[in-house]
Each structure stands twice: as C-alpha cells, then as structure tokens.
Amino acid sequence: MHRRMRARLRALTGRMRRDAGMVTSEYAMGIIAAVAFAVLLYEVVTSGQVKTELQNIVKRALSARM
C-alpha cells in the first residue's frame, strides 16, 4: 500500500512538472484575445455612426433641464 501511494504521488508530481509551461501560454492567449476584443470595441465606438450617436446622447444629457 505504501509503495502504491508513493508511486501515485510520483506520477502526480511528474504531471505537474510537465504542465508547468501551459500556464504561461494560457495567459498569453488570454491577453491576445483581450487586446483583440479591445481593438474591435475601439473601432466600433470610434466609427462614424456610433460616434455621432454617442455625441447626440451627451448633448441631450447636458441640455436637459432639472
């Protein structure tokens, strides 16, 4: 029983060592996806039609009477 537990722990520890590099690549892919989404969102918000609509909303809000 003791030998089996030791072998199991060795097997688990070995897997953890092999997967250690995956964390960095997963973070890198997440950052790339976040930057791509931010660029897409920036392009949409700064497009002519959306920019005009946002300006109209701000103008209406500033000219509203209380």
N, C-alpha and C. Protein backbone atom coordinates (compact mmCIF):
# COMPACT_ATOMS: atom_id res chain seq x y z
N MET A 1 0.83 -1.20 0.00
CA MET A 1 0.00 0.00 0.00
C MET A 1 0.88 1.26 0.00
N HIS A 2 1.90 1.26 0.83
CA HIS A 2 2.79 2.42 0.91
C HIS A 2 3.50 2.65 -0.42
N ARG A 3 3.89 1.59 -1.10
CA ARG A 3 4.57 1.71 -2.40
C ARG A 3 3.63 2.28 -3.45
N ARG A 4 2.39 1.83 -3.40
CA ARG A 4 1.41 2.35 -4.38
C ARG A 4 1.17 3.85 -4.18
N MET A 5 1.07 4.27 -2.93
CA MET A 5 0.86 5.69 -2.66
C MET A 5 2.05 6.52 -3.12
N ARG A 6 3.25 6.02 -2.88
CA ARG A 6 4.46 6.72 -3.30
C ARG A 6 4.51 6.82 -4.83
N ALA A 7 4.16 5.72 -5.50
CA ALA A 7 4.16 5.72 -6.97
C ALA A 7 3.11 6.68 -7.50
N ARG A 8 1.98 6.72 -6.85
CA ARG A 8 0.91 7.63 -7.28
C ARG A 8 1.34 9.09 -7.11
N LEU A 9 1.98 9.39 -5.98
CA LEU A 9 2.47 10.75 -5.77
C LEU A 9 3.54 11.13 -6.78
N ARG A 10 4.42 10.20 -7.11
CA ARG A 10 5.44 10.47 -8.12
C ARG A 10 4.79 10.75 -9.48
N ALA A 11 3.76 9.98 -9.81
CA ALA A 11 3.07 10.17 -11.08
C ALA A 11 2.39 11.53 -11.13
N LEU A 12 1.75 11.92 -10.04
CA LEU A 12 1.08 13.23 -9.99
C LEU A 12 2.08 14.37 -10.06
N THR A 13 3.17 14.24 -9.36
CA THR A 13 4.20 15.28 -9.37
C THR A 13 4.81 15.40 -10.76
N GLY A 14 5.01 14.31 -11.44
CA GLY A 14 5.57 14.34 -12.78
C GLY A 14 4.64 15.04 -13.75
N ARG A 15 3.34 14.84 -13.61
CA ARG A 15 2.38 15.52 -14.48
C ARG A 15 2.40 17.02 -14.24
N MET A 16 2.51 17.40 -13.00
CA MET A 16 2.52 18.82 -12.69
C MET A 16 3.75 19.50 -13.30
N ARG A 17 4.86 18.84 -13.29
CA ARG A 17 6.06 19.43 -13.88
C ARG A 17 5.92 19.58 -15.39
N ARG A 18 5.30 18.61 -16.04
CA ARG A 18 5.14 18.70 -17.49
C ARG A 18 4.16 19.79 -17.90
N ASP A 19 3.17 20.06 -17.07
CA ASP A 19 2.15 21.05 -17.41
C ASP A 19 2.51 22.46 -16.96
N ALA A 20 3.66 22.63 -16.35
CA ALA A 20 4.00 23.94 -15.79
C ALA A 20 4.06 25.03 -16.87
N GLY A 21 4.50 24.72 -18.08
CA GLY A 21 4.60 25.71 -19.13
C GLY A 21 3.26 26.11 -19.72
N MET A 22 2.24 25.34 -19.48
CA MET A 22 0.93 25.63 -20.03
C MET A 22 0.34 26.91 -19.44
N VAL A 23 0.63 27.21 -18.21
CA VAL A 23 0.05 28.37 -17.57
C VAL A 23 0.45 29.64 -18.32
N THR A 24 1.71 29.77 -18.65
CA THR A 24 2.18 30.95 -19.36
C THR A 24 1.52 31.09 -20.72
N SER A 25 1.41 30.00 -21.44
CA SER A 25 0.80 30.08 -22.77
C SER A 25 -0.69 30.41 -22.67
N GLU A 26 -1.35 29.90 -21.65
CA GLU A 26 -2.77 30.22 -21.48
C GLU A 26 -2.96 31.70 -21.16
N TYR A 27 -2.10 32.24 -20.30
CA TYR A 27 -2.17 33.68 -20.02
C TYR A 27 -1.89 34.49 -21.28
N ALA A 28 -0.93 34.07 -22.07
CA ALA A 28 -0.59 34.79 -23.30
C ALA A 28 -1.77 34.79 -24.26
N MET A 29 -2.43 33.66 -24.41
CA MET A 29 -3.59 33.59 -25.30
C MET A 29 -4.74 34.46 -24.77
N GLY A 30 -4.91 34.48 -23.46
CA GLY A 30 -5.95 35.33 -22.87
C GLY A 30 -5.68 36.80 -23.10
N ILE A 31 -4.42 37.19 -22.97
CA ILE A 31 -4.05 38.60 -23.21
C ILE A 31 -4.26 38.97 -24.66
N ILE A 32 -3.87 38.08 -25.57
CA ILE A 32 -4.06 38.34 -27.00
C ILE A 32 -5.54 38.50 -27.32
N ALA A 33 -6.37 37.63 -26.75
CA ALA A 33 -7.81 37.72 -27.00
C ALA A 33 -8.39 39.01 -26.42
N ALA A 34 -7.93 39.41 -25.24
CA ALA A 34 -8.43 40.65 -24.63
C ALA A 34 -8.03 41.87 -25.46
N VAL A 35 -6.81 41.88 -25.95
CA VAL A 35 -6.36 43.01 -26.77
C VAL A 35 -7.13 43.07 -28.08
N ALA A 36 -7.36 41.91 -28.69
CA ALA A 36 -8.13 41.87 -29.94
C ALA A 36 -9.55 42.39 -29.71
N PHE A 37 -10.16 42.00 -28.60
CA PHE A 37 -11.51 42.48 -28.28
C PHE A 37 -11.50 43.98 -28.04
N ALA A 38 -10.48 44.49 -27.35
CA ALA A 38 -10.39 45.92 -27.08
C ALA A 38 -10.24 46.71 -28.38
N VAL A 39 -9.43 46.20 -29.29
CA VAL A 39 -9.25 46.88 -30.59
C VAL A 39 -10.57 46.89 -31.36
N LEU A 40 -11.26 45.77 -31.37
CA LEU A 40 -12.55 45.69 -32.06
C LEU A 40 -13.55 46.67 -31.45
N LEU A 41 -13.61 46.70 -30.13
CA LEU A 41 -14.53 47.62 -29.45
C LEU A 41 -14.17 49.07 -29.75
N TYR A 42 -12.89 49.39 -29.76
CA TYR A 42 -12.44 50.75 -30.08
C TYR A 42 -12.86 51.13 -31.50
N GLU A 43 -12.68 50.22 -32.43
CA GLU A 43 -13.06 50.50 -33.83
C GLU A 43 -14.56 50.75 -33.95
N VAL A 44 -15.36 49.99 -33.23
CA VAL A 44 -16.81 50.16 -33.29
C VAL A 44 -17.22 51.49 -32.68
N VAL A 45 -16.66 51.81 -31.51
CA VAL A 45 -17.05 53.04 -30.81
C VAL A 45 -16.60 54.28 -31.57
N THR A 46 -15.47 54.22 -32.24
CA THR A 46 -14.97 55.40 -32.95
C THR A 46 -15.45 55.46 -34.40
N SER A 47 -16.29 54.53 -34.81
CA SER A 47 -16.84 54.61 -36.17
C SER A 47 -17.79 55.80 -36.26
N GLY A 48 -18.01 56.28 -37.45
CA GLY A 48 -18.79 57.49 -37.66
C GLY A 48 -20.18 57.46 -37.06
N GLN A 49 -20.94 56.43 -37.35
CA GLN A 49 -22.33 56.37 -36.90
C GLN A 49 -22.42 56.27 -35.38
N VAL A 50 -21.62 55.43 -34.78
CA VAL A 50 -21.67 55.27 -33.33
C VAL A 50 -21.17 56.53 -32.64
N LYS A 51 -20.14 57.14 -33.18
CA LYS A 51 -19.60 58.37 -32.61
C LYS A 51 -20.66 59.47 -32.62
N THR A 52 -21.38 59.58 -33.71
CA THR A 52 -22.45 60.59 -33.82
C THR A 52 -23.55 60.33 -32.80
N GLU A 53 -23.95 59.09 -32.65
CA GLU A 53 -25.00 58.74 -31.69
C GLU A 53 -24.55 59.04 -30.26
N LEU A 54 -23.31 58.71 -29.93
CA LEU A 54 -22.80 58.99 -28.59
C LEU A 54 -22.75 60.50 -28.33
N GLN A 55 -22.36 61.27 -29.32
CA GLN A 55 -22.33 62.73 -29.17
C GLN A 55 -23.74 63.27 -28.95
N ASN A 56 -24.72 62.74 -29.68
CA ASN A 56 -26.11 63.17 -29.50
C ASN A 56 -26.61 62.85 -28.09
N ILE A 57 -26.25 61.70 -27.58
CA ILE A 57 -26.67 61.32 -26.22
C ILE A 57 -26.08 62.29 -25.20
N VAL A 58 -24.80 62.61 -25.35
CA VAL A 58 -24.15 63.53 -24.42
C VAL A 58 -24.76 64.93 -24.53
N LYS A 59 -25.03 65.38 -25.74
CA LYS A 59 -25.65 66.70 -25.92
C LYS A 59 -27.02 66.77 -25.26
N ARG A 60 -27.83 65.72 -25.45
CA ARG A 60 -29.16 65.69 -24.82
C ARG A 60 -29.05 65.68 -23.30
N ALA A 61 -28.08 64.94 -22.80
CA ALA A 61 -27.91 64.87 -21.34
C ALA A 61 -27.48 66.21 -20.76
N LEU A 62 -26.59 66.92 -21.49
CA LEU A 62 -26.12 68.21 -20.99
C LEU A 62 -27.17 69.30 -21.12
N SER A 63 -28.06 69.19 -22.08
CA SER A 63 -29.07 70.22 -22.27
C SER A 63 -30.37 69.92 -21.52
N ALA A 64 -30.44 68.85 -20.81
CA ALA A 64 -31.66 68.50 -20.08
C ALA A 64 -31.88 69.46 -18.91
N ARG A 65 -33.13 69.79 -18.67
CA ARG A 65 -33.47 70.69 -17.56
C ARG A 65 -33.91 69.84 -16.36
N MET A 66 -33.57 70.36 -15.20
CA MET A 66 -33.96 69.64 -13.99
C MET A 66 -35.17 70.25 -13.37
